[in-house]
Amino acid sequence: MRISLVCQSLLLTRALEIFLKDYIVPYKKSDFVITDRKLDLKKPQFIISNEKGNLEAPFLKSSLMIELDKFYINNVKKEGSEAFQKKEIDFETLEVKIGHITEKFRQELVNTIKEYYEN
C-alpha cells in the first residue's frame, strides 16, 4: 500500500505523516491519495471528512488502518487484479525455469564427483 497525502489541514497532514510514515510516497508512485476534500485526480481518493468521507475525524490510528485496508482492497487491488494474475503466471514460469536449471546443476555436480573419485 503506497499512499500520498493531499490535505488542506496541516494538523491532519502531520497526524497522517506520523501514523503512516512507512506508507507515504510521492504522488506519482502512490496507489491512492488521502485527502480532506474531494479533488479532481485520476487516482482513488480516501477522504477524511465529517461530510460524506471514508473516515470521520477525530479518529484513532487503529480505525484509520482498518478503513485504509478496506479502501485499498475495494478500490486499488481490484484495478490491479489482472496485472497481479499475470505476475502469478510469470512466477510459475520462473519456478519451472529454476527447476530445470537446478536439475541440470545437480546432474553436472554428480558427474563431476563421480569423475573425481573414479580417477
N, C-alpha and C. Protein backbone atom coordinates (compact mmCIF):
# COMPACT_ATOMS: atom_id res chain seq x y z
N MET A 1 0.85 -1.16 0.00
CA MET A 1 0.00 0.00 0.00
C MET A 1 0.90 1.23 0.00
N ARG A 2 0.80 2.02 -1.04
CA ARG A 2 1.60 3.25 -1.18
C ARG A 2 0.63 4.43 -1.24
N ILE A 3 0.84 5.39 -0.35
CA ILE A 3 -0.12 6.47 -0.15
C ILE A 3 0.56 7.82 -0.32
N SER A 4 -0.16 8.77 -0.93
CA SER A 4 0.29 10.15 -0.93
C SER A 4 -0.76 10.99 -0.20
N LEU A 5 -0.32 12.10 0.37
CA LEU A 5 -1.20 12.98 1.15
C LEU A 5 -1.41 14.29 0.42
N VAL A 6 -2.68 14.70 0.30
CA VAL A 6 -3.02 16.00 -0.29
C VAL A 6 -4.13 16.58 0.59
N CYS A 7 -3.74 17.21 1.70
CA CYS A 7 -4.71 17.74 2.66
C CYS A 7 -4.52 19.24 2.84
N GLN A 8 -5.63 19.97 3.00
CA GLN A 8 -5.55 21.39 3.33
C GLN A 8 -5.12 21.57 4.78
N SER A 9 -5.62 20.72 5.65
CA SER A 9 -5.34 20.83 7.07
C SER A 9 -3.92 20.37 7.39
N LEU A 10 -3.11 21.28 7.90
CA LEU A 10 -1.74 20.93 8.27
C LEU A 10 -1.71 19.99 9.47
N LEU A 11 -2.66 20.15 10.38
CA LEU A 11 -2.74 19.26 11.54
C LEU A 11 -3.05 17.83 11.11
N LEU A 12 -4.00 17.67 10.20
CA LEU A 12 -4.33 16.34 9.68
C LEU A 12 -3.15 15.75 8.92
N THR A 13 -2.50 16.56 8.11
CA THR A 13 -1.33 16.09 7.35
C THR A 13 -0.25 15.58 8.29
N ARG A 14 0.03 16.33 9.35
CA ARG A 14 1.08 15.94 10.28
C ARG A 14 0.71 14.64 11.02
N ALA A 15 -0.56 14.53 11.44
CA ALA A 15 -1.00 13.31 12.13
C ALA A 15 -0.87 12.11 11.20
N LEU A 16 -1.27 12.27 9.94
CA LEU A 16 -1.17 11.17 8.98
C LEU A 16 0.28 10.81 8.69
N GLU A 17 1.15 11.80 8.63
CA GLU A 17 2.58 11.52 8.43
C GLU A 17 3.14 10.68 9.56
N ILE A 18 2.69 10.95 10.78
CA ILE A 18 3.17 10.17 11.93
C ILE A 18 2.60 8.76 11.88
N PHE A 19 1.30 8.64 11.63
CA PHE A 19 0.65 7.33 11.62
C PHE A 19 1.10 6.46 10.45
N LEU A 20 1.35 7.07 9.30
CA LEU A 20 1.56 6.32 8.06
C LEU A 20 2.96 6.49 7.48
N LYS A 21 3.94 6.77 8.31
CA LYS A 21 5.28 7.09 7.81
C LYS A 21 5.86 6.02 6.88
N ASP A 22 5.52 4.76 7.10
CA ASP A 22 6.07 3.67 6.27
C ASP A 22 5.34 3.51 4.94
N TYR A 23 4.21 4.18 4.77
CA TYR A 23 3.40 4.00 3.56
C TYR A 23 3.41 5.22 2.64
N ILE A 24 3.91 6.35 3.10
CA ILE A 24 3.83 7.59 2.33
C ILE A 24 4.93 7.63 1.26
N VAL A 25 4.49 7.91 0.04
CA VAL A 25 5.39 8.03 -1.11
C VAL A 25 4.96 9.25 -1.92
N PRO A 26 5.79 9.69 -2.89
CA PRO A 26 5.37 10.79 -3.76
C PRO A 26 4.12 10.41 -4.57
N TYR A 27 3.38 11.42 -4.99
CA TYR A 27 2.11 11.22 -5.69
C TYR A 27 2.23 10.26 -6.87
N LYS A 28 3.24 10.42 -7.69
CA LYS A 28 3.37 9.60 -8.90
C LYS A 28 3.56 8.12 -8.60
N LYS A 29 4.10 7.79 -7.45
CA LYS A 29 4.35 6.39 -7.09
C LYS A 29 3.24 5.80 -6.22
N SER A 30 2.25 6.61 -5.86
CA SER A 30 1.23 6.15 -4.92
C SER A 30 0.13 5.33 -5.59
N ASP A 31 -0.51 4.47 -4.79
CA ASP A 31 -1.66 3.70 -5.24
C ASP A 31 -2.94 4.52 -5.12
N PHE A 32 -2.99 5.36 -4.08
CA PHE A 32 -4.14 6.23 -3.87
C PHE A 32 -3.74 7.42 -3.02
N VAL A 33 -4.67 8.37 -2.88
CA VAL A 33 -4.42 9.63 -2.19
C VAL A 33 -5.34 9.73 -0.97
N ILE A 34 -4.79 10.23 0.13
CA ILE A 34 -5.61 10.58 1.27
C ILE A 34 -5.76 12.09 1.25
N THR A 35 -7.00 12.54 1.36
CA THR A 35 -7.29 13.96 1.29
C THR A 35 -8.40 14.32 2.26
N ASP A 36 -8.57 15.62 2.49
CA ASP A 36 -9.65 16.08 3.37
C ASP A 36 -10.76 16.77 2.58
N ARG A 37 -10.70 16.67 1.26
CA ARG A 37 -11.73 17.23 0.38
C ARG A 37 -11.70 16.49 -0.95
N LYS A 38 -12.79 16.52 -1.67
CA LYS A 38 -12.87 15.88 -2.99
C LYS A 38 -12.01 16.67 -3.97
N LEU A 39 -11.14 15.97 -4.67
CA LEU A 39 -10.22 16.59 -5.63
C LEU A 39 -10.44 16.01 -7.02
N ASP A 40 -10.00 16.71 -8.02
CA ASP A 40 -10.09 16.23 -9.39
C ASP A 40 -8.77 15.53 -9.74
N LEU A 41 -8.67 14.26 -9.32
CA LEU A 41 -7.47 13.47 -9.55
C LEU A 41 -7.84 12.17 -10.23
N LYS A 42 -6.88 11.55 -10.89
CA LYS A 42 -7.13 10.28 -11.57
C LYS A 42 -6.99 9.09 -10.63
N LYS A 43 -6.34 9.29 -9.49
CA LYS A 43 -6.13 8.19 -8.54
C LYS A 43 -7.30 8.11 -7.57
N PRO A 44 -7.54 6.90 -7.02
CA PRO A 44 -8.59 6.77 -6.00
C PRO A 44 -8.28 7.68 -4.80
N GLN A 45 -9.35 8.20 -4.19
CA GLN A 45 -9.19 9.13 -3.08
C GLN A 45 -9.86 8.60 -1.82
N PHE A 46 -9.10 8.56 -0.74
CA PHE A 46 -9.62 8.23 0.58
C PHE A 46 -9.83 9.56 1.27
N ILE A 47 -11.10 9.89 1.54
CA ILE A 47 -11.42 11.21 2.08
C ILE A 47 -11.69 11.13 3.57
N ILE A 48 -10.97 11.97 4.32
CA ILE A 48 -11.19 12.10 5.75
C ILE A 48 -11.95 13.40 5.95
N SER A 49 -13.23 13.26 6.27
CA SER A 49 -14.09 14.43 6.38
C SER A 49 -15.31 14.07 7.21
N ASN A 50 -15.93 15.05 7.80
CA ASN A 50 -17.16 14.81 8.56
C ASN A 50 -18.37 14.79 7.64
N GLU A 51 -18.18 15.10 6.37
CA GLU A 51 -19.27 15.11 5.40
C GLU A 51 -18.95 14.15 4.25
N LYS A 52 -19.63 13.03 4.20
CA LYS A 52 -19.51 12.07 3.09
C LYS A 52 -18.07 11.63 2.83
N GLY A 53 -17.35 11.28 3.87
CA GLY A 53 -15.99 10.82 3.71
C GLY A 53 -15.87 9.34 4.02
N ASN A 54 -14.69 8.80 3.81
CA ASN A 54 -14.41 7.40 4.15
C ASN A 54 -14.16 7.22 5.64
N LEU A 55 -13.74 8.31 6.29
CA LEU A 55 -13.44 8.28 7.72
C LEU A 55 -13.72 9.65 8.30
N GLU A 56 -14.33 9.67 9.48
CA GLU A 56 -14.62 10.93 10.14
C GLU A 56 -13.54 11.26 11.16
N ALA A 57 -13.22 12.54 11.27
CA ALA A 57 -12.29 12.99 12.29
C ALA A 57 -13.09 13.36 13.53
N PRO A 58 -12.58 13.17 14.70
CA PRO A 58 -11.30 12.58 15.07
C PRO A 58 -11.32 11.06 14.93
N PHE A 59 -10.16 10.47 14.80
CA PHE A 59 -10.05 9.02 14.61
C PHE A 59 -8.83 8.49 15.34
N LEU A 60 -8.84 7.21 15.59
CA LEU A 60 -7.70 6.52 16.18
C LEU A 60 -6.85 5.92 15.07
N LYS A 61 -5.59 5.67 15.37
CA LYS A 61 -4.72 5.04 14.38
C LYS A 61 -5.27 3.69 13.95
N SER A 62 -5.80 2.92 14.89
CA SER A 62 -6.34 1.60 14.56
C SER A 62 -7.53 1.70 13.61
N SER A 63 -8.43 2.65 13.85
CA SER A 63 -9.58 2.80 12.95
C SER A 63 -9.13 3.30 11.58
N LEU A 64 -8.12 4.16 11.55
CA LEU A 64 -7.57 4.62 10.28
C LEU A 64 -7.02 3.45 9.48
N MET A 65 -6.22 2.60 10.12
CA MET A 65 -5.61 1.47 9.42
C MET A 65 -6.66 0.48 8.91
N ILE A 66 -7.70 0.24 9.71
CA ILE A 66 -8.77 -0.68 9.29
C ILE A 66 -9.47 -0.13 8.06
N GLU A 67 -9.82 1.15 8.09
CA GLU A 67 -10.52 1.75 6.96
C GLU A 67 -9.62 1.84 5.72
N LEU A 68 -8.34 2.11 5.91
CA LEU A 68 -7.41 2.15 4.77
C LEU A 68 -7.29 0.77 4.13
N ASP A 69 -7.21 -0.27 4.94
CA ASP A 69 -7.13 -1.64 4.41
C ASP A 69 -8.37 -1.97 3.59
N LYS A 70 -9.56 -1.63 4.12
CA LYS A 70 -10.80 -1.87 3.38
C LYS A 70 -10.80 -1.11 2.06
N PHE A 71 -10.41 0.17 2.13
CA PHE A 71 -10.38 1.01 0.93
C PHE A 71 -9.41 0.44 -0.10
N TYR A 72 -8.24 0.04 0.34
CA TYR A 72 -7.22 -0.50 -0.55
C TYR A 72 -7.71 -1.77 -1.25
N ILE A 73 -8.32 -2.65 -0.49
CA ILE A 73 -8.82 -3.91 -1.06
C ILE A 73 -9.94 -3.65 -2.06
N ASN A 74 -10.86 -2.74 -1.72
CA ASN A 74 -12.03 -2.49 -2.57
C ASN A 74 -11.76 -1.59 -3.76
N ASN A 75 -10.77 -0.70 -3.68
CA ASN A 75 -10.56 0.28 -4.74
C ASN A 75 -9.26 0.14 -5.52
N VAL A 76 -8.24 -0.37 -4.89
CA VAL A 76 -6.94 -0.43 -5.56
C VAL A 76 -6.63 -1.83 -6.06
N LYS A 77 -6.82 -2.84 -5.23
CA LYS A 77 -6.48 -4.21 -5.63
C LYS A 77 -7.35 -4.69 -6.77
N LYS A 78 -8.61 -4.27 -6.83
CA LYS A 78 -9.49 -4.69 -7.93
C LYS A 78 -8.96 -4.19 -9.26
N GLU A 79 -8.46 -2.96 -9.29
CA GLU A 79 -7.94 -2.38 -10.52
C GLU A 79 -6.70 -3.11 -11.01
N GLY A 80 -5.89 -3.60 -10.09
CA GLY A 80 -4.65 -4.26 -10.47
C GLY A 80 -4.73 -5.78 -10.48
N SER A 81 -5.92 -6.34 -10.39
CA SER A 81 -6.03 -7.80 -10.27
C SER A 81 -5.56 -8.52 -11.53
N GLU A 82 -5.80 -7.96 -12.71
CA GLU A 82 -5.34 -8.62 -13.94
C GLU A 82 -3.82 -8.62 -14.01
N ALA A 83 -3.22 -7.51 -13.66
CA ALA A 83 -1.76 -7.45 -13.66
C ALA A 83 -1.19 -8.42 -12.63
N PHE A 84 -1.85 -8.54 -11.48
CA PHE A 84 -1.40 -9.47 -10.44
C PHE A 84 -1.47 -10.90 -10.94
N GLN A 85 -2.55 -11.26 -11.65
CA GLN A 85 -2.69 -12.61 -12.18
C GLN A 85 -1.59 -12.89 -13.20
N LYS A 86 -1.25 -11.92 -14.03
CA LYS A 86 -0.17 -12.10 -15.00
C LYS A 86 1.14 -12.34 -14.28
N LYS A 87 1.38 -11.63 -13.19
CA LYS A 87 2.60 -11.82 -12.43
C LYS A 87 2.65 -13.23 -11.85
N GLU A 88 1.51 -13.76 -11.42
CA GLU A 88 1.47 -15.14 -10.90
C GLU A 88 1.88 -16.12 -11.99
N ILE A 89 1.36 -15.94 -13.19
CA ILE A 89 1.69 -16.82 -14.30
C ILE A 89 3.18 -16.73 -14.60
N ASP A 90 3.73 -15.51 -14.61
CA ASP A 90 5.15 -15.34 -14.84
C ASP A 90 5.96 -15.99 -13.72
N PHE A 91 5.46 -15.94 -12.51
CA PHE A 91 6.15 -16.56 -11.38
C PHE A 91 6.20 -18.07 -11.56
N GLU A 92 5.10 -18.66 -12.02
CA GLU A 92 5.09 -20.11 -12.26
C GLU A 92 6.09 -20.48 -13.34
N THR A 93 6.18 -19.69 -14.39
CA THR A 93 7.16 -19.93 -15.46
C THR A 93 8.57 -19.83 -14.89
N LEU A 94 8.80 -18.84 -14.07
CA LEU A 94 10.12 -18.66 -13.44
C LEU A 94 10.46 -19.86 -12.57
N GLU A 95 9.49 -20.36 -11.83
CA GLU A 95 9.70 -21.52 -10.96
C GLU A 95 10.10 -22.75 -11.78
N VAL A 96 9.46 -22.95 -12.93
CA VAL A 96 9.80 -24.08 -13.81
C VAL A 96 11.22 -23.93 -14.34
N LYS A 97 11.57 -22.72 -14.78
CA LYS A 97 12.92 -22.48 -15.29
C LYS A 97 13.98 -22.75 -14.22
N ILE A 98 13.71 -22.29 -13.01
CA ILE A 98 14.65 -22.51 -11.91
C ILE A 98 14.78 -24.00 -11.62
N GLY A 99 13.68 -24.72 -11.71
CA GLY A 99 13.70 -26.17 -11.50
C GLY A 99 14.59 -26.86 -12.52
N HIS A 100 14.50 -26.45 -13.79
CA HIS A 100 15.33 -27.04 -14.84
C HIS A 100 16.81 -26.73 -14.61
N ILE A 101 17.10 -25.50 -14.26
CA ILE A 101 18.49 -25.11 -14.01
C ILE A 101 19.05 -25.87 -12.81
N THR A 102 18.25 -25.99 -11.77
CA THR A 102 18.69 -26.72 -10.57
C THR A 102 18.96 -28.19 -10.89
N GLU A 103 18.09 -28.81 -11.64
CA GLU A 103 18.26 -30.22 -12.01
C GLU A 103 19.52 -30.41 -12.86
N LYS A 104 19.74 -29.49 -13.80
CA LYS A 104 20.93 -29.56 -14.66
C LYS A 104 22.20 -29.42 -13.80
N PHE A 105 22.18 -28.49 -12.85
CA PHE A 105 23.31 -28.30 -11.96
C PHE A 105 23.56 -29.54 -11.12
N ARG A 106 22.48 -30.15 -10.60
CA ARG A 106 22.61 -31.36 -9.79
C ARG A 106 23.27 -32.47 -10.59
N GLN A 107 22.83 -32.66 -11.83
CA GLN A 107 23.40 -33.71 -12.68
C GLN A 107 24.88 -33.45 -12.96
N GLU A 108 25.24 -32.20 -13.26
CA GLU A 108 26.65 -31.87 -13.51
C GLU A 108 27.49 -32.08 -12.25
N LEU A 109 26.94 -31.75 -11.10
CA LEU A 109 27.65 -31.92 -9.85
C LEU A 109 27.89 -33.41 -9.56
N VAL A 110 26.88 -34.24 -9.76
CA VAL A 110 27.02 -35.69 -9.55
C VAL A 110 28.06 -36.25 -10.51
N ASN A 111 28.04 -35.86 -11.79
CA ASN A 111 29.01 -36.33 -12.76
C ASN A 111 30.43 -35.92 -12.39
N THR A 112 30.59 -34.69 -11.91
CA THR A 112 31.91 -34.20 -11.50
C THR A 112 32.44 -35.01 -10.32
N ILE A 113 31.59 -35.28 -9.35
CA ILE A 113 32.00 -36.07 -8.18
C ILE A 113 32.37 -37.49 -8.59
N LYS A 114 31.59 -38.10 -9.47
CA LYS A 114 31.89 -39.47 -9.96
C LYS A 114 33.22 -39.49 -10.68
N GLU A 115 33.44 -38.51 -11.56
CA GLU A 115 34.72 -38.44 -12.30
C GLU A 115 35.89 -38.28 -11.35
N TYR A 116 35.75 -37.47 -10.34
CA TYR A 116 36.82 -37.23 -9.40
C TYR A 116 37.22 -38.50 -8.66
N TYR A 117 36.23 -39.27 -8.20
CA TYR A 117 36.52 -40.47 -7.42
C TYR A 117 36.89 -41.67 -8.30
N GLU A 118 36.59 -41.62 -9.58
CA GLU A 118 36.98 -42.71 -10.48
C GLU A 118 38.45 -42.60 -10.84
N ASN A 119 39.03 -41.44 -10.80
CA ASN A 119 40.43 -41.26 -11.17
C ASN A 119 41.35 -41.53 -10.05
